Amino acid sequence: MTPSTGPWPGRFIWHDLMTTDGAKAQAFYRDLFDWRIEEHAMHGFVYRRILAGPGPIGGIVEERNLPNSHWMPYLAVDDVDAAAARIQELGGSVCVPPTDIPQTGRFAVVGDPQGATFSIFRGLPGSQGFDPDLPVAGRACWNELLTHDDAAAQAFYGALCGWRDEPKDMGPLGTYHVQMLGGKQAGGLMKNPQPGAPSCWLVYFLVDDLAAAGQRAARLGAQVLMAAQPIEGVGSFSLLADPVGAVFALFQPLPGSAPC
């Protein structure tokens, strides 16, 4: 597939790992995905930029005082300030106000009304993020919201992003809401299967061999929470926690199917 040029408003185009141990996290993911990682000195901290395939896809940020390590997806928007204001109008929150990233773009850290955090981003030309439709092993390929109120979350993201719900019946697990933007799948949301668990975004990474990647992750110190769970007609996934505690998923599509 030929990469296209951004921006991609309404799509996830960057992912940062917010972790309490940057060096340990860097070693784990570098060895798991064969990522190339470049260390850049920023204002008082080191930003570890992740490269996979043809270019950068995100970064690793160490914050020792975090309550827990986690992956942070970035949603592309046309106007960060306007989107932040709209999020508050819709009942969400702004955790970090709109801020310029020198020579890169503008971002804000926000939360939806159910408490799931994500970032909004508008890049400068040449810094738009990565093509969300380019399937490359080791890159994030899917973003899934686990929420305690799927109907309210659907209303929020539909109003903010223009996402259209394409519900899928999952039987005992309830309804899975595929989020469509035009003819593209922008992500998914579902009621969190763990009652009382906080709402959060879960990031899936594309792999060529799910079993081998899961075994490799375990050898590198990850905790396997769920292994090789099938998704009918789509593929299989495994849920893991990295050695610092950040939860993420691995995904392998069925032969001939779309990566995510």
C-alpha atoms as a PDB file:
ATOM      1  CA  MET A   1       0.000   0.000   0.000  1.00  0.00           C
ATOM      2  CA  THR A   2       1.364   3.407  -0.954  1.00  0.00           C
ATOM      3  CA  PRO A   3       1.598   5.873   1.967  1.00  0.00           C
ATOM      4  CA  SER A   4      -0.495   9.013   1.691  1.00  0.00           C
ATOM      5  CA  THR A   5       0.210  12.490   2.994  1.00  0.00           C
ATOM      6  CA  GLY A   6      -1.651  13.878   6.016  1.00  0.00           C
ATOM      7  CA  PRO A   7      -3.300  15.462   7.790  1.00  0.00           C
ATOM      8  CA  TRP A   8      -5.869  12.833   8.719  1.00  0.00           C
ATOM      9  CA  PRO A   9      -8.452  14.643  10.905  1.00  0.00           C
ATOM     10  CA  GLY A  10     -10.544  12.276  12.992  1.00  0.00           C
ATOM     11  CA  ARG A  11      -7.914   9.506  12.840  1.00  0.00           C
ATOM     12  CA  PHE A  12      -5.249   8.365  15.305  1.00  0.00           C
ATOM     13  CA  ILE A  13      -1.827   9.266  13.917  1.00  0.00           C
ATOM     14  CA  TRP A  14       0.686   9.097  16.820  1.00  0.00           C
ATOM     15  CA  HIS A  15       1.185   7.206  20.074  1.00  0.00           C
ATOM     16  CA  ASP A  16       3.273   8.108  23.108  1.00  0.00           C
ATOM     17  CA  LEU A  17       4.132   5.720  25.899  1.00  0.00           C
ATOM     18  CA  MET A  18       3.927   7.556  29.210  1.00  0.00           C
ATOM     19  CA  THR A  19       6.045   5.443  31.538  1.00  0.00           C
ATOM     20  CA  THR A  20       7.685   5.550  34.947  1.00  0.00           C
ATOM     21  CA  ASP A  21      10.867   3.910  33.582  1.00  0.00           C
ATOM     22  CA  GLY A  22      11.908   5.111  30.142  1.00  0.00           C
ATOM     23  CA  ALA A  23      15.076   3.044  29.824  1.00  0.00           C
ATOM     24  CA  LYS A  24      13.359  -0.206  30.805  1.00  0.00           C
ATOM     25  CA  ALA A  25      10.408   0.453  28.497  1.00  0.00           C
ATOM     26  CA  GLN A  26      12.723   1.385  25.634  1.00  0.00           C
ATOM     27  CA  ALA A  27      14.687  -1.861  25.941  1.00  0.00           C
ATOM     28  CA  PHE A  28      11.502  -3.945  26.044  1.00  0.00           C
ATOM     29  CA  TYR A  29       9.746  -2.470  23.005  1.00  0.00           C
ATOM     30  CA  ARG A  30      12.933  -2.139  20.966  1.00  0.00           C
ATOM     31  CA  ASP A  31      13.576  -5.857  21.364  1.00  0.00           C
ATOM     32  CA  LEU A  32       9.923  -6.844  20.914  1.00  0.00           C
ATOM     33  CA  PHE A  33       9.201  -4.911  17.712  1.00  0.00           C
ATOM     34  CA  ASP A  34      12.736  -4.188  16.437  1.00  0.00           C
ATOM     35  CA  TRP A  35      11.948  -0.499  16.743  1.00  0.00           C
ATOM     36  CA  ARG A  36      14.579   2.110  16.033  1.00  0.00           C
ATOM     37  CA  ILE A  37      14.581   4.630  18.861  1.00  0.00           C
ATOM     38  CA  GLU A  38      16.206   8.054  18.754  1.00  0.00           C
ATOM     39  CA  GLU A  39      16.818   9.994  21.969  1.00  0.00           C
ATOM     40  CA  HIS A  40      16.173  13.744  21.768  1.00  0.00           C
ATOM     41  CA  ALA A  41      16.915  16.170  24.610  1.00  0.00           C
ATOM     42  CA  MET A  42      13.837  18.341  25.196  1.00  0.00           C
ATOM     43  CA  HIS A  43      13.036  20.952  27.847  1.00  0.00           C
ATOM     44  CA  GLY A  44      14.174  19.105  30.969  1.00  0.00           C
ATOM     45  CA  PHE A  45      13.576  15.549  29.721  1.00  0.00           C
ATOM     46  CA  VAL A  46      14.521  13.044  27.020  1.00  0.00           C
ATOM     47  CA  TYR A  47      12.011  12.219  24.295  1.00  0.00           C
ATOM     48  CA  ARG A  48      12.635   8.781  22.827  1.00  0.00           C
ATOM     49  CA  ARG A  49      11.233   8.924  19.301  1.00  0.00           C
ATOM     50  CA  ILE A  50      10.046   5.598  17.881  1.00  0.00           C
ATOM     51  CA  LEU A  51      10.609   4.696  14.234  1.00  0.00           C
ATOM     52  CA  ALA A  52       9.012   1.661  12.568  1.00  0.00           C
ATOM     53  CA  GLY A  53       8.829   1.014   8.855  1.00  0.00           C
ATOM     54  CA  PRO A  54       9.218   4.182   6.765  1.00  0.00           C
ATOM     55  CA  GLY A  55       9.226   6.693   9.597  1.00  0.00           C
ATOM     56  CA  PRO A  56       8.343   7.824  13.137  1.00  0.00           C
ATOM     57  CA  ILE A  57       5.183   6.585  14.857  1.00  0.00           C
ATOM     58  CA  GLY A  58       5.411   7.933  18.413  1.00  0.00           C
ATOM     59  CA  GLY A  59       7.639   8.290  21.413  1.00  0.00           C
ATOM     60  CA  ILE A  60       8.480   7.235  24.944  1.00  0.00           C
ATOM     61  CA  VAL A  61       8.202   9.806  27.740  1.00  0.00           C
ATOM     62  CA  GLU A  62       9.400   9.113  31.270  1.00  0.00           C
ATOM     63  CA  GLU A  63       7.413  10.606  34.147  1.00  0.00           C
ATOM     64  CA  ARG A  64       8.448   9.113  37.464  1.00  0.00           C
ATOM     65  CA  ASN A  65       5.374  10.401  39.310  1.00  0.00           C
ATOM     66  CA  LEU A  66       2.757   8.836  37.028  1.00  0.00           C
ATOM     67  CA  PRO A  67       0.123   6.799  38.885  1.00  0.00           C
ATOM     68  CA  ASN A  68       0.502   4.155  36.185  1.00  0.00           C
ATOM     69  CA  SER A  69       2.304   3.712  32.869  1.00  0.00           C
ATOM     70  CA  HIS A  70       0.027   3.854  29.815  1.00  0.00           C
ATOM     71  CA  TRP A  71      -0.148   4.386  26.073  1.00  0.00           C
ATOM     72  CA  MET A  72      -1.494   7.757  24.884  1.00  0.00           C
ATOM     73  CA  PRO A  73      -3.089   7.899  21.408  1.00  0.00           C
ATOM     74  CA  TYR A  74      -3.081  11.178  19.462  1.00  0.00           C
ATOM     75  CA  LEU A  75      -6.158  12.146  17.454  1.00  0.00           C
ATOM     76  CA  ALA A  76      -5.595  14.459  14.486  1.00  0.00           C
ATOM     77  CA  VAL A  77      -7.803  17.575  14.439  1.00  0.00           C
ATOM     78  CA  ASP A  78      -8.028  20.625  12.186  1.00  0.00           C
ATOM     79  CA  ASP A  79      -7.750  23.115  15.064  1.00  0.00           C
ATOM     80  CA  VAL A  80      -6.474  22.114  18.508  1.00  0.00           C
ATOM     81  CA  ASP A  81      -7.908  25.132  20.329  1.00  0.00           C
ATOM     82  CA  ALA A  82     -11.344  24.763  18.767  1.00  0.00           C
ATOM     83  CA  ALA A  83     -11.364  21.011  19.431  1.00  0.00           C
ATOM     84  CA  ALA A  84     -10.367  21.531  23.085  1.00  0.00           C
ATOM     85  CA  ALA A  85     -13.206  24.024  23.518  1.00  0.00           C
ATOM     86  CA  ARG A  86     -15.647  21.631  21.835  1.00  0.00           C
ATOM     87  CA  ILE A  87     -14.552  18.790  24.111  1.00  0.00           C
ATOM     88  CA  GLN A  88     -15.419  20.889  27.157  1.00  0.00           C
ATOM     89  CA  GLU A  89     -18.786  21.831  25.631  1.00  0.00           C
ATOM     90  CA  LEU A  90     -19.504  18.108  25.224  1.00  0.00           C
ATOM     91  CA  GLY A  91     -18.727  17.375  28.886  1.00  0.00           C
ATOM     92  CA  GLY A  92     -15.093  16.341  28.515  1.00  0.00           C
ATOM     93  CA  SER A  93     -12.034  17.846  30.152  1.00  0.00           C
ATOM     94  CA  VAL A  94      -8.766  19.502  29.165  1.00  0.00           C
ATOM     95  CA  CYS A  95      -5.862  18.105  31.202  1.00  0.00           C
ATOM     96  CA  VAL A  96      -3.031  19.925  29.392  1.00  0.00           C
ATOM     97  CA  PRO A  97      -4.167  23.068  27.532  1.00  0.00           C
ATOM     98  CA  PRO A  98      -3.328  23.653  23.866  1.00  0.00           C
ATOM     99  CA  THR A  99       0.458  23.913  23.653  1.00  0.00           C
ATOM    100  CA  ASP A 100       2.926  24.372  20.821  1.00  0.00           C
ATOM    101  CA  ILE A 101       5.588  21.734  20.158  1.00  0.00           C
ATOM    102  CA  PRO A 102       8.471  23.633  18.510  1.00  0.00           C
ATOM    103  CA  GLN A 103       8.909  22.771  14.828  1.00  0.00           C
ATOM    104  CA  THR A 104       6.276  20.034  15.145  1.00  0.00           C
ATOM    105  CA  GLY A 105       2.754  21.318  15.775  1.00  0.00           C
ATOM    106  CA  ARG A 106       0.238  21.930  18.537  1.00  0.00           C
ATOM    107  CA  PHE A 107      -1.381  19.504  20.978  1.00  0.00           C
ATOM    108  CA  ALA A 108      -3.531  19.189  24.085  1.00  0.00           C
ATOM    109  CA  VAL A 109      -4.213  16.324  26.483  1.00  0.00           C
ATOM    110  CA  VAL A 110      -7.929  15.828  26.991  1.00  0.00           C
ATOM    111  CA  GLY A 111     -10.432  13.468  28.558  1.00  0.00           C
ATOM    112  CA  ASP A 112     -13.833  12.267  27.439  1.00  0.00           C
ATOM    113  CA  PRO A 113     -16.854  12.557  29.796  1.00  0.00           C
ATOM    114  CA  GLN A 114     -16.227   9.005  31.065  1.00  0.00           C
ATOM    115  CA  GLY A 115     -12.597   9.798  31.976  1.00  0.00           C
ATOM    116  CA  ALA A 116     -10.614   8.178  29.136  1.00  0.00           C
ATOM    117  CA  THR A 117      -7.649  10.373  28.220  1.00  0.00           C
ATOM    118  CA  PHE A 118      -6.162  11.000  24.789  1.00  0.00           C
ATOM    119  CA  SER A 119      -4.347  13.792  22.987  1.00  0.00           C
ATOM    120  CA  ILE A 120      -5.470  15.997  20.120  1.00  0.00           C
ATOM    121  CA  PHE A 121      -2.887  17.162  17.605  1.00  0.00           C
ATOM    122  CA  ARG A 122      -2.405  19.368  14.568  1.00  0.00           C
ATOM    123  CA  GLY A 123       0.988  18.947  12.938  1.00  0.00           C
ATOM    124  CA  LEU A 124       3.003  21.337  10.873  1.00  0.00           C
ATOM    125  CA  PRO A 125       3.698  20.330   7.241  1.00  0.00           C
ATOM    126  CA  GLY A 126       6.030  17.353   7.369  1.00  0.00           C
ATOM    127  CA  SER A 127       5.001  16.476  10.956  1.00  0.00           C
ATOM    128  CA  GLN A 128       1.480  15.130  10.462  1.00  0.00           C
ATOM    129  CA  GLY A 129       2.032  11.805  12.205  1.00  0.00           C
ATOM    130  CA  PHE A 130       1.910   8.428  10.454  1.00  0.00           C
ATOM    131  CA  ASP A 131      -0.472   7.178   7.784  1.00  0.00           C
ATOM    132  CA  PRO A 132      -3.184   5.259   9.696  1.00  0.00           C
ATOM    133  CA  ASP A 133      -3.970   3.156   6.611  1.00  0.00           C
ATOM    134  CA  LEU A 134      -0.418   1.896   6.024  1.00  0.00           C
ATOM    135  CA  PRO A 135      -0.070  -1.633   7.494  1.00  0.00           C
ATOM    136  CA  VAL A 136       3.426  -2.097   8.920  1.00  0.00           C
ATOM    137  CA  ALA A 137       4.348  -4.725  11.508  1.00  0.00           C
ATOM    138  CA  GLY A 138       5.294  -3.056  14.786  1.00  0.00           C
ATOM    139  CA  ARG A 139       3.042  -0.046  14.209  1.00  0.00           C
ATOM    140  CA  ALA A 140      -0.182   0.746  16.040  1.00  0.00           C
ATOM    141  CA  CYS A 141      -3.020  -0.539  13.880  1.00  0.00           C
ATOM    142  CA  TRP A 142      -6.128  -0.136  16.058  1.00  0.00           C
ATOM    143  CA  ASN A 143      -7.379   1.994  18.952  1.00  0.00           C
ATOM    144  CA  GLU A 144     -10.166   0.723  21.158  1.00  0.00           C
ATOM    145  CA  LEU A 145     -12.060   2.572  23.873  1.00  0.00           C
ATOM    146  CA  LEU A 146     -13.073   0.496  26.895  1.00  0.00           C
ATOM    147  CA  THR A 147     -15.740   2.581  28.613  1.00  0.00           C
ATOM    148  CA  HIS A 148     -18.300   2.249  31.384  1.00  0.00           C
ATOM    149  CA  ASP A 149     -20.955   3.982  29.212  1.00  0.00           C
ATOM    150  CA  ASP A 150     -20.778   3.022  25.548  1.00  0.00           C
ATOM    151  CA  ALA A 151     -23.884   4.980  24.530  1.00  0.00           C
ATOM    152  CA  ALA A 152     -22.592   8.228  26.054  1.00  0.00           C
ATOM    153  CA  ALA A 153     -19.122   7.652  24.625  1.00  0.00           C
ATOM    154  CA  GLN A 154     -20.598   7.061  21.167  1.00  0.00           C
ATOM    155  CA  ALA A 155     -22.505  10.336  21.383  1.00  0.00           C
ATOM    156  CA  PHE A 156     -19.388  12.237  22.487  1.00  0.00           C
ATOM    157  CA  TYR A 157     -17.025  10.964  19.809  1.00  0.00           C
ATOM    158  CA  GLY A 158     -19.691  11.160  17.134  1.00  0.00           C
ATOM    159  CA  ALA A 159     -20.199  14.839  17.921  1.00  0.00           C
ATOM    160  CA  LEU A 160     -16.476  15.565  18.233  1.00  0.00           C
ATOM    161  CA  CYS A 161     -15.068  13.567  15.318  1.00  0.00           C
ATOM    162  CA  GLY A 162     -18.017  12.855  13.060  1.00  0.00           C
ATOM    163  CA  TRP A 163     -17.594   9.138  13.699  1.00  0.00           C
ATOM    164  CA  ARG A 164     -20.524   6.934  12.666  1.00  0.00           C
ATOM    165  CA  ASP A 165     -21.394   3.839  14.662  1.00  0.00           C
ATOM    166  CA  GLU A 166     -21.336   0.453  12.945  1.00  0.00           C
ATOM    167  CA  PRO A 167     -22.398  -1.914  15.752  1.00  0.00           C
ATOM    168  CA  LYS A 168     -21.393  -5.579  15.841  1.00  0.00           C
ATOM    169  CA  ASP A 169     -23.147  -8.148  18.038  1.00  0.00           C
ATOM    170  CA  MET A 170     -20.570 -10.018  20.147  1.00  0.00           C
ATOM    171  CA  GLY A 171     -23.052 -12.241  21.952  1.00  0.00           C
ATOM    172  CA  PRO A 172     -22.377 -12.472  25.713  1.00  0.00           C
ATOM    173  CA  LEU A 173     -19.811  -9.662  25.458  1.00  0.00           C
ATOM    174  CA  GLY A 174     -22.438  -7.217  24.225  1.00  0.00           C
ATOM    175  CA  THR A 175     -22.071  -4.822  21.311  1.00  0.00           C
ATOM    176  CA  TYR A 176     -18.847  -3.709  19.687  1.00  0.00           C
ATOM    177  CA  HIS A 177     -19.081  -0.265  18.105  1.00  0.00           C
ATOM    178  CA  VAL A 178     -16.825   0.086  15.055  1.00  0.00           C
ATOM    179  CA  GLN A 179     -16.254   3.796  14.423  1.00  0.00           C
ATOM    180  CA  MET A 180     -16.500   4.791  10.765  1.00  0.00           C
ATOM    181  CA  LEU A 181     -15.234   8.023   9.257  1.00  0.00           C
ATOM    182  CA  GLY A 182     -16.252   8.147   5.635  1.00  0.00           C
ATOM    183  CA  GLY A 183     -15.319   4.739   4.291  1.00  0.00           C
ATOM    184  CA  LYS A 184     -12.511   4.180   6.833  1.00  0.00           C
ATOM    185  CA  GLN A 185     -12.516   2.467  10.223  1.00  0.00           C
ATOM    186  CA  ALA A 186     -11.301   5.041  12.745  1.00  0.00           C
ATOM    187  CA  GLY A 187     -11.359   2.801  15.835  1.00  0.00           C
ATOM    188  CA  GLY A 188     -13.719   0.917  18.108  1.00  0.00           C
ATOM    189  CA  LEU A 189     -15.466   1.228  21.442  1.00  0.00           C
ATOM    190  CA  MET A 190     -17.207  -1.148  23.785  1.00  0.00           C
ATOM    191  CA  LYS A 191     -18.400  -1.401  27.360  1.00  0.00           C
ATOM    192  CA  ASN A 192     -15.450  -2.336  29.551  1.00  0.00           C
ATOM    193  CA  PRO A 193     -15.790  -6.071  30.341  1.00  0.00           C
ATOM    194  CA  GLN A 194     -14.289  -5.426  33.787  1.00  0.00           C
ATOM    195  CA  PRO A 195     -17.010  -3.841  35.969  1.00  0.00           C
ATOM    196  CA  GLY A 196     -15.717  -0.804  37.827  1.00  0.00           C
ATOM    197  CA  ALA A 197     -12.573  -0.494  35.727  1.00  0.00           C
ATOM    198  CA  PRO A 198     -11.761   3.054  34.576  1.00  0.00           C
ATOM    199  CA  SER A 199     -12.455   4.031  30.975  1.00  0.00           C
ATOM    200  CA  CYS A 200      -9.327   3.968  28.831  1.00  0.00           C
ATOM    201  CA  TRP A 201      -7.980   3.694  25.302  1.00  0.00           C
ATOM    202  CA  LEU A 202      -6.263   0.412  24.373  1.00  0.00           C
ATOM    203  CA  VAL A 203      -3.669   0.412  21.578  1.00  0.00           C
ATOM    204  CA  TYR A 204      -3.170  -2.612  19.298  1.00  0.00           C
ATOM    205  CA  PHE A 205       0.126  -3.263  17.479  1.00  0.00           C
ATOM    206  CA  LEU A 206       0.290  -5.225  14.237  1.00  0.00           C
ATOM    207  CA  VAL A 207       2.411  -8.400  14.198  1.00  0.00           C
ATOM    208  CA  ASP A 208       3.105 -11.039  11.561  1.00  0.00           C
ATOM    209  CA  ASP A 209       3.060 -13.978  14.013  1.00  0.00           C
ATOM    210  CA  LEU A 210       0.938 -13.540  17.136  1.00  0.00           C
ATOM    211  CA  ALA A 211       2.161 -16.649  18.938  1.00  0.00           C
ATOM    212  CA  ALA A 212       5.822 -15.832  18.368  1.00  0.00           C
ATOM    213  CA  ALA A 213       5.349 -12.169  19.352  1.00  0.00           C
ATOM    214  CA  GLY A 214       3.512 -13.148  22.533  1.00  0.00           C
ATOM    215  CA  GLN A 215       6.226 -15.607  23.515  1.00  0.00           C
ATOM    216  CA  ARG A 216       8.906 -13.038  22.787  1.00  0.00           C
ATOM    217  CA  ALA A 217       7.103 -10.440  24.909  1.00  0.00           C
ATOM    218  CA  ALA A 218       6.862 -12.896  27.813  1.00  0.00           C
ATOM    219  CA  ARG A 219      10.578 -13.704  27.593  1.00  0.00           C
ATOM    220  CA  LEU A 220      11.287  -9.965  27.700  1.00  0.00           C
ATOM    221  CA  GLY A 221       9.314  -9.589  30.934  1.00  0.00           C
ATOM    222  CA  ALA A 222       5.744  -8.821  29.836  1.00  0.00           C
ATOM    223  CA  GLN A 223       2.735 -10.244  31.621  1.00  0.00           C
ATOM    224  CA  VAL A 224       0.350 -12.044  29.272  1.00  0.00           C
ATOM    225  CA  LEU A 225      -3.191 -11.136  30.361  1.00  0.00           C
ATOM    226  CA  MET A 226      -5.022 -12.823  27.463  1.00  0.00           C
ATOM    227  CA  ALA A 227      -3.448 -15.000  24.769  1.00  0.00           C
ATOM    228  CA  ALA A 228      -4.512 -15.565  21.152  1.00  0.00           C
ATOM    229  CA  GLN A 229      -8.148 -14.545  21.426  1.00  0.00           C
ATOM    230  CA  PRO A 230      -9.974 -14.982  18.085  1.00  0.00           C
ATOM    231  CA  ILE A 231     -12.060 -12.218  16.499  1.00  0.00           C
ATOM    232  CA  GLU A 232     -14.430 -13.923  14.091  1.00  0.00           C
ATOM    233  CA  GLY A 233     -13.703 -13.010  10.502  1.00  0.00           C
ATOM    234  CA  VAL A 234     -10.966 -10.562  11.480  1.00  0.00           C
ATOM    235  CA  GLY A 235      -7.982 -12.158  13.222  1.00  0.00           C
ATOM    236  CA  SER A 236      -6.621 -12.797  16.718  1.00  0.00           C
ATOM    237  CA  PHE A 237      -5.202 -10.687  19.522  1.00  0.00           C
ATOM    238  CA  SER A 238      -3.302 -10.994  22.781  1.00  0.00           C
ATOM    239  CA  LEU A 239      -3.474  -8.583  25.711  1.00  0.00           C
ATOM    240  CA  LEU A 240      -0.290  -7.851  27.649  1.00  0.00           C
ATOM    241  CA  ALA A 241       1.238  -5.563  30.265  1.00  0.00           C
ATOM    242  CA  ASP A 242       4.792  -4.418  29.606  1.00  0.00           C
ATOM    243  CA  PRO A 243       7.464  -4.761  32.330  1.00  0.00           C
ATOM    244  CA  VAL A 244       6.597  -1.276  33.634  1.00  0.00           C
ATOM    245  CA  GLY A 245       2.841  -1.962  33.698  1.00  0.00           C
ATOM    246  CA  ALA A 246       1.492  -0.319  30.533  1.00  0.00           C
ATOM    247  CA  VAL A 247      -1.250  -2.449  28.933  1.00  0.00           C
ATOM    248  CA  PHE A 248      -1.292  -2.971  25.164  1.00  0.00           C
ATOM    249  CA  ALA A 249      -2.446  -5.535  22.613  1.00  0.00           C
ATOM    250  CA  LEU A 250      -0.892  -7.478  19.758  1.00  0.00           C
ATOM    251  CA  PHE A 251      -2.951  -8.220  16.651  1.00  0.00           C
ATOM    252  CA  GLN A 252      -2.575 -10.609  13.719  1.00  0.00           C
ATOM    253  CA  PRO A 253      -5.141 -10.406  10.917  1.00  0.00           C
ATOM    254  CA  LEU A 254      -6.536 -13.412   9.096  1.00  0.00           C
ATOM    255  CA  PRO A 255      -4.815 -14.058   5.749  1.00  0.00           C
ATOM    256  CA  GLY A 256      -6.257 -11.790   3.101  1.00  0.00           C
ATOM    257  CA  SER A 257      -8.136  -9.564   5.559  1.00  0.00           C
ATOM    258  CA  ALA A 258      -7.505  -5.924   6.419  1.00  0.00           C
ATOM    259  CA  PRO A 259      -4.775  -5.485   9.089  1.00  0.00           C
ATOM    260  CA  CYS A 260      -7.217  -3.849  11.554  1.00  0.00           C
END
